Structures are given as C-alpha cells and as structure tokens.
Amino acid sequence: MSKVSATPEALKLIEEIVADHGPVLFHQSGGCCDGSSPMCYPQSDFRISERDVKLGEIGGAPFYISASQYEAWKHTDLIIDVVPGRGGMFSLDNGREKRFLTRSEICSI
C-alpha cells in the first residue's frame, strides 16, 4: 500500500519536469531547512541508499525517504502538493516559481 499521493497540481508539475528532464524520482528531504520539501532528481543522477524506504510512486516517479525519517513518519501518509516559491537548490522544481511541498495526514495504526 502506498504511503504517498499527489494532488492534481503536483501531477501536472511532475509531467512538466519529466518532459524537460526525462524520468525522475523523489527523495523526502530530512534537512532542517527543507524538511517539508520533497526533492526531485533525474533518476540517473541520484543514488538510492540501501537504507532508503520506497513509499510508493507519484506520477510514475518513485518516492523515497530515509529509514530514520521513515521511523518517525511511518504512521503518516504524505500528500505531495505544489505552492508558489522556489524549489530546493538541486531539485528540478527550482526556477519554476512553484515548488513541491509535503503535507501529511496521520493514519490509523
């Protein structure tokens, strides 16, 4: 069962990015400044660690989170949305004047 979904706006932005860059993947940032920003990378440019957890796929793109962050968020469903602003420095949504944002919903255990 997938622990991540995307709003229609996020799916549209994923389509735009894939049209420009080819297949992508997401990794949920764990940094203090980008904690709510999922980072979007070309699939060929990002190495998934054996400790990363795949939460599911959005718009055909795999979505990962670090194992330690997964432990803290395992009872949470992530909803990827789009808001005005700049994406993370190395994320493919940067420079588009809109960025991905992670919202969450607590699930029952």
Protein backbone atom coordinates (compact mmCIF):
# COMPACT_ATOMS: atom_id res chain seq x y z
CA MET A 1 0.00 0.00 0.00
CA SER A 2 1.37 3.40 -1.00
CA LYS A 3 2.12 5.90 1.76
CA VAL A 4 2.39 8.83 -0.68
CA SER A 5 -0.04 10.52 -3.07
CA ALA A 6 -0.03 13.70 -5.13
CA THR A 7 -2.50 16.48 -5.82
CA PRO A 8 -3.53 17.19 -9.43
CA GLU A 9 -1.27 20.27 -9.35
CA ALA A 10 1.71 18.15 -8.30
CA LEU A 11 1.00 15.58 -11.01
CA LYS A 12 0.92 18.37 -13.60
CA LEU A 13 4.29 19.74 -12.40
CA ILE A 14 5.78 16.23 -12.49
CA GLU A 15 4.63 15.91 -16.13
CA GLU A 16 6.30 19.25 -17.00
CA ILE A 17 9.56 18.24 -15.32
CA VAL A 18 9.60 14.79 -16.94
CA ALA A 19 9.01 16.42 -20.35
CA ASP A 20 12.11 18.57 -19.75
CA HIS A 21 14.39 16.07 -17.96
CA GLY A 22 13.14 12.52 -18.54
CA PRO A 23 12.36 10.05 -15.73
CA VAL A 24 12.62 11.45 -12.20
CA LEU A 25 12.49 10.24 -8.63
CA PHE A 26 11.69 11.94 -5.35
CA HIS A 27 13.50 11.83 -2.04
CA GLN A 28 11.94 13.42 1.01
CA SER A 29 14.39 15.92 2.42
CA GLY A 30 15.37 15.46 6.02
CA GLY A 31 17.27 18.73 6.35
CA CYS A 32 16.29 21.37 8.87
CA CYS A 33 15.51 23.95 6.20
CA ASP A 34 13.91 21.70 3.59
CA GLY A 35 12.00 19.33 5.88
CA SER A 36 8.73 19.83 4.04
CA SER A 37 10.29 19.85 0.58
CA PRO A 38 10.46 16.63 -1.38
CA MET A 39 13.47 16.83 -3.68
CA CYS A 40 13.02 15.87 -7.34
CA TYR A 41 16.02 14.48 -9.24
CA PRO A 42 16.70 12.81 -12.59
CA GLN A 43 16.58 9.07 -11.92
CA SER A 44 20.06 8.66 -13.38
CA ASP A 45 21.58 11.34 -11.10
CA PHE A 46 20.58 10.14 -7.62
CA ARG A 47 21.73 7.04 -5.80
CA ILE A 48 19.23 5.37 -3.56
CA SER A 49 20.76 4.03 -0.35
CA GLU A 50 20.03 0.53 0.90
CA ARG A 51 18.59 2.32 3.95
CA ASP A 52 16.11 4.41 1.95
CA VAL A 53 12.48 3.31 2.06
CA LYS A 54 10.28 3.45 -1.02
CA LEU A 55 6.88 4.87 -0.01
CA GLY A 56 5.27 4.44 -3.41
CA GLU A 57 5.08 6.32 -6.69
CA ILE A 58 3.54 9.61 -7.78
CA GLY A 59 3.03 10.38 -11.44
CA GLY A 60 5.07 7.29 -12.27
CA ALA A 61 8.04 8.55 -10.24
CA PRO A 62 9.34 6.51 -7.28
CA PHE A 63 9.27 8.31 -3.93
CA TYR A 64 11.82 7.53 -1.20
CA ILE A 65 12.54 8.61 2.36
CA SER A 66 15.49 7.80 4.62
CA ALA A 67 14.98 4.89 7.03
CA SER A 68 15.46 7.10 10.09
CA GLN A 69 12.92 9.62 8.87
CA TYR A 70 10.55 6.80 7.94
CA GLU A 71 10.64 5.58 11.55
CA ALA A 72 9.44 8.99 12.71
CA TRP A 73 6.78 9.27 9.97
CA LYS A 74 5.68 5.66 9.47
CA HIS A 75 2.14 6.37 10.71
CA THR A 76 1.79 9.30 8.33
CA ASP A 77 0.57 9.42 4.75
CA LEU A 78 2.38 12.02 2.67
CA ILE A 79 0.50 14.19 0.19
CA ILE A 80 2.68 15.99 -2.33
CA ASP A 81 1.30 19.37 -3.33
CA VAL A 82 2.54 22.47 -5.19
CA VAL A 83 2.83 26.00 -3.79
CA PRO A 84 4.34 29.24 -5.12
CA GLY A 85 8.06 29.64 -4.48
CA ARG A 86 11.45 28.18 -5.32
CA GLY A 87 12.33 24.53 -5.03
CA GLY A 88 15.39 23.19 -3.27
CA MET A 89 18.73 24.19 -4.78
CA PHE A 90 19.32 20.84 -6.52
CA SER A 91 15.67 19.88 -7.03
CA LEU A 92 14.25 20.01 -10.56
CA ASP A 93 11.32 22.18 -9.43
CA ASN A 94 13.76 25.03 -8.71
CA GLY A 95 13.42 28.02 -11.05
CA ARG A 96 9.80 27.34 -11.99
CA GLU A 97 8.29 29.79 -9.47
CA LYS A 98 6.41 26.89 -7.91
CA ARG A 99 7.69 24.08 -5.76
CA PHE A 100 6.67 20.77 -4.30
CA LEU A 101 5.51 20.71 -0.67
CA THR A 102 4.84 17.72 1.55
CA ARG A 103 1.64 17.74 3.53
CA SER A 104 0.78 14.93 5.88
CA GLU A 105 -2.14 13.04 7.28
CA ILE A 106 -1.93 10.76 10.30
CA CYS A 107 -3.17 7.24 9.55
CA SER A 108 -4.62 4.74 11.92
CA ILE A 109 -2.23 2.07 13.08
